[in-house]
Amino acid sequence: MARRVLSVAGMNASRIALVTGANQGLGRALVEGLAARMNADDLVLLTGRSRRRVGEAAHEVGRLPGTRARVEGRVLDVTDTDAIARLAGELRARHGGVDVVVSNAVARLSPEESQAERADEFIDVSDTATHAILRAFGPVLRPGGRLLVVASSLGTLGHLDTRLHHLFDGASLDQVEYAVESWRSAIHSRTAQEAGWPLWLNVPSKVAQVAAVRAVAAERRARDLADGTLIAAVCPGMVDTATSRAWFSDHSRAQTPARAAEAVLDLVFAEHVDPALYGELVRFGKVLPWHDGTPPVEQDRMLTP
């Protein structure tokens, strides 16, 4: 007899969802959308580093007219990999696992700030945390669940110098982690540019995020597709925030956080998993080919090394 799978879209049982970096911007919009589309017996965990901001945001989302699910704030510093593992273990023990995980946390960075001085924090939030979330929540993701990593269109391999492609193309998660730490070391030893790494931290960081997703997905693909489970990286498109405005000269296509969240939420609540999207970088329901892209030049000219 075939195993019965309860999809996220079906919502036939109480579901647990978690979003990191969720007290503002896209993360908060994702929590609002999840809470509106899920059921009264479901739980959405809004997480972030600041206890006050997390508590205020969860309270505000819980009072919105469209909110149906329960919303709880949880303090989670994603740079604390032990805390990530503890939370995953807690959700397994209390609820038998988790159904939706959206890794969304990012460290804010402006062109005026030194890329080298901010590298450790940026890499810890964007990459080390992503690896920890994949390792901790992958095993507790229930059949039919969704594990999504918010990246960007910069996450395709072609945005890196070709000398670096072998570090990420077809890499295991361990190999991706090693590549990220090698990049970090090169920044601190001032040899990064000589080795081909771009000044702009965002490019290697996003490529590494997508490579990490691809590595985990490659190991789980057959089982997950049989269960209706989706692991993917997602590009929400340009989101109109103070941070993004500092980096791009053309904001004509920038979206509000609520608008940007819609395509991600559609992926979460899709009735069926499209095998073509599994393990890929997805933007507005379409795959961004892994090998596409060219190294960006506009941003490197703006930077403080």
Protein backbone atom coordinates (compact mmCIF):
# COMPACT_ATOMS: atom_id res chain seq x y z
CA MET A 1 0.00 0.00 0.00
CA ALA A 2 1.35 3.44 -0.89
CA ARG A 3 2.12 5.70 2.02
CA ARG A 4 -0.32 8.57 2.52
CA VAL A 5 1.45 11.93 2.41
CA LEU A 6 -0.11 15.03 3.96
CA SER A 7 1.01 17.94 1.82
CA VAL A 8 1.46 21.45 3.12
CA ALA A 9 -1.23 22.57 0.69
CA GLY A 10 -3.72 20.03 2.04
CA MET A 11 -3.36 21.06 5.67
CA ASN A 12 -5.07 17.90 6.91
CA ALA A 13 -3.21 17.99 10.25
CA SER A 14 -1.64 20.61 12.50
CA ARG A 15 1.39 22.07 10.78
CA ILE A 16 4.47 23.85 12.06
CA ALA A 17 6.19 26.61 10.08
CA LEU A 18 9.33 28.58 10.93
CA VAL A 19 10.88 31.66 9.33
CA THR A 20 14.28 33.10 10.26
CA GLY A 21 15.06 36.80 10.09
CA ALA A 22 11.34 37.43 10.40
CA ASN A 23 10.75 40.53 12.49
CA GLN A 24 10.80 42.87 9.47
CA GLY A 25 10.90 43.05 5.68
CA LEU A 26 10.48 39.93 3.59
CA GLY A 27 10.70 37.62 6.60
CA ARG A 28 7.81 39.28 8.33
CA ALA A 29 5.78 39.32 5.11
CA LEU A 30 6.36 35.56 4.80
CA VAL A 31 5.12 35.04 8.36
CA GLU A 32 2.04 37.13 7.63
CA GLY A 33 1.33 35.11 4.49
CA LEU A 34 1.84 31.76 6.21
CA ALA A 35 -0.39 32.79 9.12
CA ALA A 36 -3.11 33.90 6.69
CA ARG A 37 -3.02 30.74 4.55
CA MET A 38 -2.63 28.17 7.31
CA ASN A 39 -5.32 26.94 9.71
CA ALA A 40 -6.25 27.75 13.29
CA ASP A 41 -4.56 24.59 14.59
CA ASP A 42 -1.28 25.43 12.83
CA LEU A 43 1.66 27.27 14.36
CA VAL A 44 3.96 29.81 12.71
CA LEU A 45 7.20 30.61 14.51
CA LEU A 46 8.53 34.12 13.85
CA THR A 47 12.22 34.16 14.76
CA GLY A 48 14.93 36.76 15.10
CA ARG A 49 17.73 37.90 17.38
CA SER A 50 16.05 40.69 19.34
CA ARG A 51 13.59 39.48 21.99
CA ARG A 52 11.76 42.80 21.97
CA ARG A 53 11.42 43.06 18.20
CA VAL A 54 10.44 39.43 17.82
CA GLY A 55 7.79 39.74 20.52
CA GLU A 56 6.36 42.93 19.05
CA ALA A 57 6.28 41.54 15.51
CA ALA A 58 4.61 38.28 16.57
CA HIS A 59 2.00 40.20 18.56
CA GLU A 60 1.26 42.51 15.62
CA VAL A 61 0.98 39.67 13.09
CA GLY A 62 -1.26 37.73 15.47
CA ARG A 63 -3.68 40.67 15.57
CA LEU A 64 -3.95 41.15 11.80
CA PRO A 65 -7.49 40.59 10.44
CA GLY A 66 -6.32 37.96 7.97
CA THR A 67 -4.35 35.87 10.45
CA ARG A 68 -5.76 32.38 11.01
CA ALA A 69 -2.88 30.35 12.42
CA ARG A 70 -1.23 30.80 15.80
CA VAL A 71 1.87 33.00 15.66
CA GLU A 72 4.62 32.76 18.26
CA GLY A 73 7.85 34.69 18.51
CA ARG A 74 11.05 32.79 19.21
CA VAL A 75 14.49 34.25 19.79
CA LEU A 76 16.95 32.60 17.42
CA ASP A 77 20.40 33.96 16.64
CA VAL A 78 21.25 32.09 13.45
CA THR A 79 24.97 32.62 14.04
CA ASP A 80 24.58 30.25 17.01
CA THR A 81 24.61 26.89 15.25
CA ASP A 82 23.98 25.06 18.53
CA ALA A 83 20.81 27.10 19.02
CA ILE A 84 19.62 26.08 15.55
CA ALA A 85 20.20 22.42 16.38
CA ARG A 86 18.43 22.77 19.74
CA LEU A 87 15.37 24.34 18.14
CA ALA A 88 15.17 21.60 15.52
CA GLY A 89 15.42 18.98 18.26
CA GLU A 90 12.72 20.72 20.28
CA LEU A 91 10.33 20.78 17.35
CA ARG A 92 10.97 17.09 16.71
CA ALA A 93 10.29 16.24 20.36
CA ARG A 94 7.19 18.43 20.74
CA HIS A 95 5.60 18.17 17.33
CA GLY A 96 7.24 15.24 15.57
CA GLY A 97 9.02 17.57 13.17
CA VAL A 98 8.37 20.68 11.13
CA ASP A 99 6.52 21.27 7.88
CA VAL A 100 7.80 24.59 6.55
CA VAL A 101 11.22 26.14 7.12
CA VAL A 102 12.22 29.35 5.36
CA SER A 103 15.84 30.40 5.93
CA ASN A 104 15.68 34.13 5.35
CA ALA A 105 18.12 35.83 7.74
CA VAL A 106 20.69 38.15 6.20
CA ALA A 107 23.23 40.62 7.56
CA ARG A 108 22.68 44.15 6.32
CA LEU A 109 25.63 45.70 4.52
CA SER A 110 26.06 49.05 2.77
CA PRO A 111 28.61 49.95 0.07
CA GLU A 112 30.31 52.43 2.44
CA GLU A 113 31.20 49.69 4.93
CA SER A 114 34.42 47.73 4.60
CA GLN A 115 33.71 44.37 3.01
CA ALA A 116 36.67 42.78 4.79
CA GLU A 117 35.69 44.13 8.21
CA ARG A 118 32.12 42.89 7.86
CA ALA A 119 32.99 39.57 6.23
CA ASP A 120 32.80 37.35 9.30
CA GLU A 121 29.34 38.50 10.36
CA PHE A 122 28.03 38.45 6.81
CA ILE A 123 29.32 34.94 6.12
CA ASP A 124 28.13 33.63 9.49
CA VAL A 125 24.58 34.89 8.95
CA SER A 126 24.24 34.06 5.26
CA ASP A 127 26.25 30.88 4.86
CA THR A 128 27.26 29.20 8.11
CA ALA A 129 23.67 29.59 9.30
CA THR A 130 22.28 28.22 6.03
CA HIS A 131 24.47 25.13 6.36
CA ALA A 132 23.34 24.65 9.96
CA ILE A 133 19.67 25.00 9.07
CA LEU A 134 19.98 22.48 6.26
CA ARG A 135 21.77 20.02 8.55
CA ALA A 136 19.43 20.49 11.53
CA PHE A 137 16.03 20.87 9.88
CA GLY A 138 16.48 18.55 6.91
CA PRO A 139 16.19 15.45 9.14
CA VAL A 140 13.11 16.78 10.98
CA LEU A 141 11.23 17.96 7.88
CA ARG A 142 8.02 15.96 7.69
CA PRO A 143 6.85 14.29 4.47
CA GLY A 144 5.22 16.84 2.20
CA GLY A 145 7.17 19.67 3.81
CA ARG A 146 9.06 22.62 2.39
CA LEU A 147 12.62 23.74 3.21
CA LEU A 148 13.42 26.94 1.34
CA VAL A 149 16.54 29.10 1.45
CA VAL A 150 16.04 32.71 0.37
CA ALA A 151 18.94 33.58 -1.95
CA SER A 152 18.95 35.79 -5.05
CA SER A 153 19.57 35.67 -8.78
CA LEU A 154 23.23 36.32 -7.94
CA GLY A 155 23.36 32.75 -6.66
CA THR A 156 23.98 31.16 -10.05
CA LEU A 157 27.50 29.91 -10.67
CA GLY A 158 28.22 32.17 -13.65
CA HIS A 159 28.38 35.19 -11.35
CA LEU A 160 31.73 33.92 -10.06
CA ASP A 161 35.08 33.94 -11.82
CA THR A 162 35.51 30.64 -13.69
CA ARG A 163 38.56 29.84 -11.54
CA LEU A 164 36.18 29.31 -8.61
CA HIS A 165 33.52 27.20 -10.28
CA HIS A 166 35.05 23.86 -9.31
CA LEU A 167 34.64 24.74 -5.63
CA PHE A 168 30.85 24.74 -5.88
CA ASP A 169 29.82 22.79 -8.98
CA GLY A 170 28.68 19.32 -7.93
CA ALA A 171 30.04 19.88 -4.42
CA SER A 172 28.85 18.11 -1.28
CA LEU A 173 27.71 20.20 1.68
CA ASP A 174 31.05 19.55 3.40
CA GLN A 175 32.85 20.79 0.29
CA VAL A 176 30.69 23.91 0.12
CA GLU A 177 31.49 24.63 3.75
CA TYR A 178 35.21 24.18 3.03
CA ALA A 179 34.98 26.56 0.05
CA VAL A 180 33.26 29.20 2.18
CA GLU A 181 35.90 28.97 4.90
CA SER A 182 38.65 29.15 2.25
CA TRP A 183 37.05 32.34 0.92
CA ARG A 184 36.83 33.75 4.45
CA SER A 185 40.53 32.99 5.03
CA ALA A 186 41.48 34.59 1.72
CA ILE A 187 39.64 37.78 2.69
CA HIS A 188 41.55 38.00 5.96
CA SER A 189 44.90 37.23 4.31
CA ARG A 190 44.14 39.81 1.58
CA THR A 191 44.54 37.23 -1.19
CA ALA A 192 40.86 36.95 -2.16
CA GLN A 193 40.92 39.17 -5.24
CA GLU A 194 44.11 37.55 -6.50
CA ALA A 195 42.34 34.17 -6.30
CA GLY A 196 39.36 35.47 -8.26
CA TRP A 197 36.91 36.24 -5.45
CA PRO A 198 34.85 39.40 -6.06
CA LEU A 199 34.96 42.26 -3.58
CA TRP A 200 31.18 42.21 -3.10
CA LEU A 201 30.46 39.66 -0.38
CA ASN A 202 26.94 39.08 -1.63
CA VAL A 203 28.00 37.17 -4.75
CA PRO A 204 30.05 34.29 -3.27
CA SER A 205 27.63 34.16 -0.36
CA LYS A 206 24.59 33.62 -2.58
CA VAL A 207 26.39 31.12 -4.83
CA ALA A 208 27.37 29.18 -1.71
CA GLN A 209 23.78 29.21 -0.43
CA VAL A 210 22.47 27.76 -3.68
CA ALA A 211 25.32 25.23 -3.85
CA ALA A 212 24.49 24.09 -0.31
CA VAL A 213 20.85 23.56 -1.24
CA ARG A 214 21.85 21.65 -4.35
CA ALA A 215 24.18 19.43 -2.30
CA VAL A 216 21.52 18.47 0.25
CA ALA A 217 18.86 18.04 -2.42
CA ALA A 218 21.06 15.71 -4.46
CA GLU A 219 21.22 13.29 -1.53
CA ARG A 220 17.46 13.33 -0.86
CA ARG A 221 15.85 13.81 -4.26
CA ALA A 222 14.22 10.42 -4.86
CA ARG A 223 12.80 10.11 -1.36
CA ASP A 224 11.58 13.69 -1.20
CA LEU A 225 9.86 13.61 -4.58
CA ALA A 226 8.10 10.40 -3.59
CA ASP A 227 6.86 12.17 -0.43
CA GLY A 228 5.91 15.45 -2.08
CA THR A 229 8.67 17.27 -0.18
CA LEU A 230 10.45 20.29 -1.65
CA ILE A 231 13.93 21.60 -0.89
CA ALA A 232 14.93 24.60 -2.98
CA ALA A 233 16.60 27.99 -3.02
CA VAL A 234 14.31 30.89 -3.88
CA CYS A 235 14.91 34.30 -5.40
CA PRO A 236 12.08 36.67 -4.44
CA GLY A 237 13.19 39.30 -6.95
CA MET A 238 14.28 42.78 -5.95
CA VAL A 239 12.62 43.91 -2.73
CA ASP A 240 12.28 47.63 -2.06
CA THR A 241 14.16 48.23 1.18
CA ALA A 242 16.67 50.81 2.36
CA THR A 243 19.38 48.18 2.08
CA SER A 244 18.65 47.19 -1.52
CA ARG A 245 18.37 50.81 -2.65
CA ALA A 246 22.01 51.38 -1.72
CA TRP A 247 23.18 48.67 -4.12
CA PHE A 248 21.20 49.09 -7.35
CA SER A 249 20.77 52.08 -9.63
CA ASP A 250 17.54 50.80 -11.22
CA HIS A 251 14.70 50.21 -8.75
CA SER A 252 11.88 50.27 -11.26
CA ARG A 253 11.07 46.61 -10.69
CA ALA A 254 11.48 46.61 -6.92
CA GLN A 255 8.58 45.07 -5.00
CA THR A 256 7.14 45.61 -1.57
CA PRO A 257 8.00 42.81 0.89
CA ALA A 258 4.39 41.62 0.79
CA ARG A 259 4.44 41.40 -2.99
CA ALA A 260 7.82 39.65 -3.01
CA ALA A 261 6.54 37.08 -0.51
CA GLU A 262 3.69 35.96 -2.77
CA ALA A 263 5.71 33.80 -5.17
CA VAL A 264 7.58 32.18 -2.27
CA LEU A 265 4.30 31.41 -0.52
CA ASP A 266 2.85 29.99 -3.74
CA LEU A 267 5.79 27.57 -3.78
CA VAL A 268 5.10 26.61 -0.17
CA PHE A 269 1.42 25.93 -0.77
CA ALA A 270 1.62 24.33 -4.21
CA GLU A 271 -0.49 21.18 -4.29
CA HIS A 272 2.20 19.18 -6.05
CA VAL A 273 5.98 19.46 -6.21
CA ASP A 274 7.32 20.05 -9.70
CA PRO A 275 10.42 17.80 -9.99
CA ALA A 276 12.03 20.43 -12.23
CA LEU A 277 12.08 22.88 -9.29
CA TYR A 278 13.51 20.46 -6.75
CA GLY A 279 16.99 21.46 -5.54
CA GLU A 280 17.13 24.46 -7.87
CA LEU A 281 17.14 28.25 -7.54
CA VAL A 282 13.57 29.30 -8.27
CA ARG A 283 12.31 32.79 -9.15
CA PHE A 284 8.60 33.40 -9.73
CA GLY A 285 8.03 29.68 -10.25
CA LYS A 286 10.79 29.27 -12.84
CA VAL A 287 14.27 27.76 -12.50
CA LEU A 288 17.28 30.04 -12.85
CA PRO A 289 19.85 27.77 -14.54
CA TRP A 290 22.78 26.99 -12.27
CA HIS A 291 25.49 27.83 -14.80
CA ASP A 292 23.96 31.14 -15.96
CA GLY A 293 25.16 34.61 -15.08
CA THR A 294 28.20 36.83 -15.51
CA PRO A 295 30.31 38.48 -12.80
CA PRO A 296 28.68 41.82 -11.78
CA VAL A 297 30.83 44.91 -12.13
CA GLU A 298 28.60 47.83 -11.07
CA GLN A 299 28.66 46.95 -7.37
CA ASP A 300 32.40 46.24 -7.13
CA ARG A 301 33.07 49.81 -8.29
CA MET A 302 30.99 51.13 -5.38
CA LEU A 303 32.71 49.18 -2.66
CA THR A 304 35.00 49.86 0.23
CA PRO A 305 37.45 46.90 0.31
